[in-house]
Structures are given as structure tokens and as C-alpha cells.
Amino acid sequence: MNARNQRPDPPRGAATYRSGAYTSLLPWQVRERRFPPVGLGRRGLNPDDVYAFLDRVAVDMAAVYAALAESRRETVRITAGLRRWQTDQARACNERDEVQ
């Protein structure tokens, strides 16, 4: 298997850092991207252009998946907090009813 096709394991909890000048790819940019044909005597597309674009798409996808994972962790945290609060409220209500 080619090293380019292997998927590296991202470090746990690692954030994706980019310069402020980096702009993420938009869906229309991916859809409309065209690659120039290679020079005379060869057929197809320039592999360097294609690999550079695929690397950029992979970076943006990794950022999206990292943001999605963070959003899911936040959802779990908020849901657990809400359940604790509801349990505490129900317990407090039951205690008030028992006192009366």
C-alpha cells in the first residue's frame, strides 16, 4: 500500500491549528476544481496537483470531523448535566411533598 493512501491516526485531543491566512475549502470549490492535463507524451492529470488538492481536502475534512466530535462531546456533557439537574429538582420536589 502506498504511504499516501494510509490514514494516519490523529493524536487524541489534538486540535487542528492553521494560520489566519488559511481559508477552508467550500463545497463549490471542490465541485468546480479542474486540473490541467499533463504535458506532451503523458496522459491524464498532473499527480502533484491532484495530491496537493486531496491533501487540502483531507485537512479540511479532519477539521470538520474534529469539530463534530467536539460538538458531540459537548452534547453528552450538557445532556448529563440536564439529567442531574432534573434528578435534583425531582428529589427536592419529593422532599417538599413529604414534609407537608
C-alpha atoms as a PDB file:
ATOM      1  CA  MET A   1       0.000   0.000   0.000  1.00  0.00           C
ATOM      2  CA  ASN A   2       1.273   3.456  -0.883  1.00  0.00           C
ATOM      3  CA  ALA A   3       2.077   5.673   2.121  1.00  0.00           C
ATOM      4  CA  ARG A   4      -0.143   8.388   0.640  1.00  0.00           C
ATOM      5  CA  ASN A   5      -3.150   6.080   0.927  1.00  0.00           C
ATOM      6  CA  GLN A   6      -2.588   5.244   4.578  1.00  0.00           C
ATOM      7  CA  ARG A   7      -4.670   7.129   7.081  1.00  0.00           C
ATOM      8  CA  PRO A   8      -2.642   8.500   9.996  1.00  0.00           C
ATOM      9  CA  ASP A   9      -4.128   8.276  13.459  1.00  0.00           C
ATOM     10  CA  PRO A  10      -4.657  11.785  14.817  1.00  0.00           C
ATOM     11  CA  PRO A  11      -3.384  12.357  18.360  1.00  0.00           C
ATOM     12  CA  ARG A  12      -6.136  12.208  20.948  1.00  0.00           C
ATOM     13  CA  GLY A  13      -7.375  15.621  21.970  1.00  0.00           C
ATOM     14  CA  ALA A  14      -5.187  17.360  19.406  1.00  0.00           C
ATOM     15  CA  ALA A  15      -6.564  20.477  17.819  1.00  0.00           C
ATOM     16  CA  THR A  16      -6.009  21.480  14.240  1.00  0.00           C
ATOM     17  CA  TYR A  17      -4.000  24.697  14.073  1.00  0.00           C
ATOM     18  CA  ARG A  18      -3.736  26.813  10.942  1.00  0.00           C
ATOM     19  CA  SER A  19      -2.535  30.253  10.095  1.00  0.00           C
ATOM     20  CA  GLY A  20      -5.102  33.016   9.892  1.00  0.00           C
ATOM     21  CA  ALA A  21      -4.445  33.251   6.155  1.00  0.00           C
ATOM     22  CA  TYR A  22      -5.689  29.695   5.550  1.00  0.00           C
ATOM     23  CA  THR A  23      -9.207  29.565   4.170  1.00  0.00           C
ATOM     24  CA  SER A  24     -11.144  26.316   4.330  1.00  0.00           C
ATOM     25  CA  LEU A  25     -12.411  24.763   1.164  1.00  0.00           C
ATOM     26  CA  LEU A  26     -16.044  25.302   0.355  1.00  0.00           C
ATOM     27  CA  PRO A  27     -18.190  22.624  -1.301  1.00  0.00           C
ATOM     28  CA  TRP A  28     -18.461  24.589  -4.551  1.00  0.00           C
ATOM     29  CA  GLN A  29     -14.661  24.831  -4.733  1.00  0.00           C
ATOM     30  CA  VAL A  30     -14.363  21.052  -4.568  1.00  0.00           C
ATOM     31  CA  ARG A  31     -17.125  20.554  -7.140  1.00  0.00           C
ATOM     32  CA  GLU A  32     -15.705  23.058  -9.608  1.00  0.00           C
ATOM     33  CA  ARG A  33     -11.995  22.191  -9.227  1.00  0.00           C
ATOM     34  CA  ARG A  34     -10.403  21.261 -12.524  1.00  0.00           C
ATOM     35  CA  PHE A  35      -6.858  20.023 -13.031  1.00  0.00           C
ATOM     36  CA  PRO A  36      -4.735  20.908 -16.050  1.00  0.00           C
ATOM     37  CA  PRO A  37      -3.664  17.999 -18.235  1.00  0.00           C
ATOM     38  CA  VAL A  38      -0.052  16.900 -18.039  1.00  0.00           C
ATOM     39  CA  GLY A  39       2.491  17.801 -20.698  1.00  0.00           C
ATOM     40  CA  LEU A  40       3.146  16.147 -24.024  1.00  0.00           C
ATOM     41  CA  GLY A  41       3.881  12.452 -24.099  1.00  0.00           C
ATOM     42  CA  ARG A  42       1.822  11.695 -20.984  1.00  0.00           C
ATOM     43  CA  ARG A  43      -1.857  11.155 -20.416  1.00  0.00           C
ATOM     44  CA  GLY A  44      -4.106  12.197 -17.590  1.00  0.00           C
ATOM     45  CA  LEU A  45      -3.692  14.773 -14.852  1.00  0.00           C
ATOM     46  CA  ASN A  46      -0.616  16.043 -13.076  1.00  0.00           C
ATOM     47  CA  PRO A  47      -0.378  13.805  -9.986  1.00  0.00           C
ATOM     48  CA  ASP A  48       1.274  16.557  -7.910  1.00  0.00           C
ATOM     49  CA  ASP A  49      -1.705  18.881  -8.482  1.00  0.00           C
ATOM     50  CA  VAL A  50      -4.183  16.140  -7.627  1.00  0.00           C
ATOM     51  CA  TYR A  51      -2.313  15.037  -4.486  1.00  0.00           C
ATOM     52  CA  ALA A  52      -1.939  18.634  -3.269  1.00  0.00           C
ATOM     53  CA  PHE A  53      -5.673  19.175  -3.657  1.00  0.00           C
ATOM     54  CA  LEU A  54      -6.540  15.874  -1.985  1.00  0.00           C
ATOM     55  CA  ASP A  55      -4.242  16.731   0.922  1.00  0.00           C
ATOM     56  CA  ARG A  56      -6.050  20.042   1.355  1.00  0.00           C
ATOM     57  CA  VAL A  57      -9.445  18.335   1.228  1.00  0.00           C
ATOM     58  CA  ALA A  58      -8.237  15.814   3.824  1.00  0.00           C
ATOM     59  CA  VAL A  59      -7.104  18.607   6.171  1.00  0.00           C
ATOM     60  CA  ASP A  60     -10.472  20.341   5.900  1.00  0.00           C
ATOM     61  CA  MET A  61     -12.329  17.079   6.430  1.00  0.00           C
ATOM     62  CA  ALA A  62     -10.228  16.325   9.509  1.00  0.00           C
ATOM     63  CA  ALA A  63     -11.127  19.749  10.907  1.00  0.00           C
ATOM     64  CA  VAL A  64     -14.828  19.126  10.256  1.00  0.00           C
ATOM     65  CA  TYR A  65     -14.710  15.713  11.912  1.00  0.00           C
ATOM     66  CA  ALA A  66     -12.819  17.164  14.907  1.00  0.00           C
ATOM     67  CA  ALA A  67     -15.446  19.895  15.290  1.00  0.00           C
ATOM     68  CA  LEU A  68     -18.221  17.303  15.005  1.00  0.00           C
ATOM     69  CA  ALA A  69     -16.599  15.122  17.677  1.00  0.00           C
ATOM     70  CA  GLU A  70     -16.227  18.147  19.972  1.00  0.00           C
ATOM     71  CA  SER A  71     -19.878  19.040  19.400  1.00  0.00           C
ATOM     72  CA  ARG A  72     -20.934  15.504  20.286  1.00  0.00           C
ATOM     73  CA  ARG A  73     -18.834  15.563  23.475  1.00  0.00           C
ATOM     74  CA  GLU A  74     -20.445  18.876  24.413  1.00  0.00           C
ATOM     75  CA  THR A  75     -23.902  17.434  23.751  1.00  0.00           C
ATOM     76  CA  VAL A  76     -23.170  14.461  26.035  1.00  0.00           C
ATOM     77  CA  ARG A  77     -21.859  16.805  28.746  1.00  0.00           C
ATOM     78  CA  ILE A  78     -24.912  19.098  28.563  1.00  0.00           C
ATOM     79  CA  THR A  79     -27.336  16.149  28.488  1.00  0.00           C
ATOM     80  CA  ALA A  80     -25.707  14.624  31.582  1.00  0.00           C
ATOM     81  CA  GLY A  81     -25.862  17.979  33.369  1.00  0.00           C
ATOM     82  CA  LEU A  82     -29.522  18.408  32.461  1.00  0.00           C
ATOM     83  CA  ARG A  83     -30.340  14.913  33.738  1.00  0.00           C
ATOM     84  CA  ARG A  84     -28.547  15.627  37.035  1.00  0.00           C
ATOM     85  CA  TRP A  85     -30.448  18.885  37.376  1.00  0.00           C
ATOM     86  CA  GLN A  86     -33.780  17.154  36.638  1.00  0.00           C
ATOM     87  CA  THR A  87     -32.993  14.452  39.204  1.00  0.00           C
ATOM     88  CA  ASP A  88     -32.098  17.073  41.810  1.00  0.00           C
ATOM     89  CA  GLN A  89     -35.296  19.003  41.084  1.00  0.00           C
ATOM     90  CA  ALA A  90     -37.447  15.876  41.312  1.00  0.00           C
ATOM     91  CA  ARG A  91     -35.741  14.869  44.559  1.00  0.00           C
ATOM     92  CA  ALA A  92     -36.263  18.360  46.026  1.00  0.00           C
ATOM     93  CA  CYS A  93     -39.926  18.317  44.979  1.00  0.00           C
ATOM     94  CA  ASN A  94     -40.437  14.873  46.590  1.00  0.00           C
ATOM     95  CA  GLU A  95     -38.791  16.040  49.808  1.00  0.00           C
ATOM     96  CA  ARG A  96     -41.078  19.098  49.945  1.00  0.00           C
ATOM     97  CA  ASP A  97     -44.123  16.863  49.414  1.00  0.00           C
ATOM     98  CA  GLU A  98     -43.017  14.520  52.232  1.00  0.00           C
ATOM     99  CA  VAL A  99     -42.559  17.394  54.698  1.00  0.00           C
ATOM    100  CA  GLN A 100     -46.073  18.712  54.182  1.00  0.00           C
END
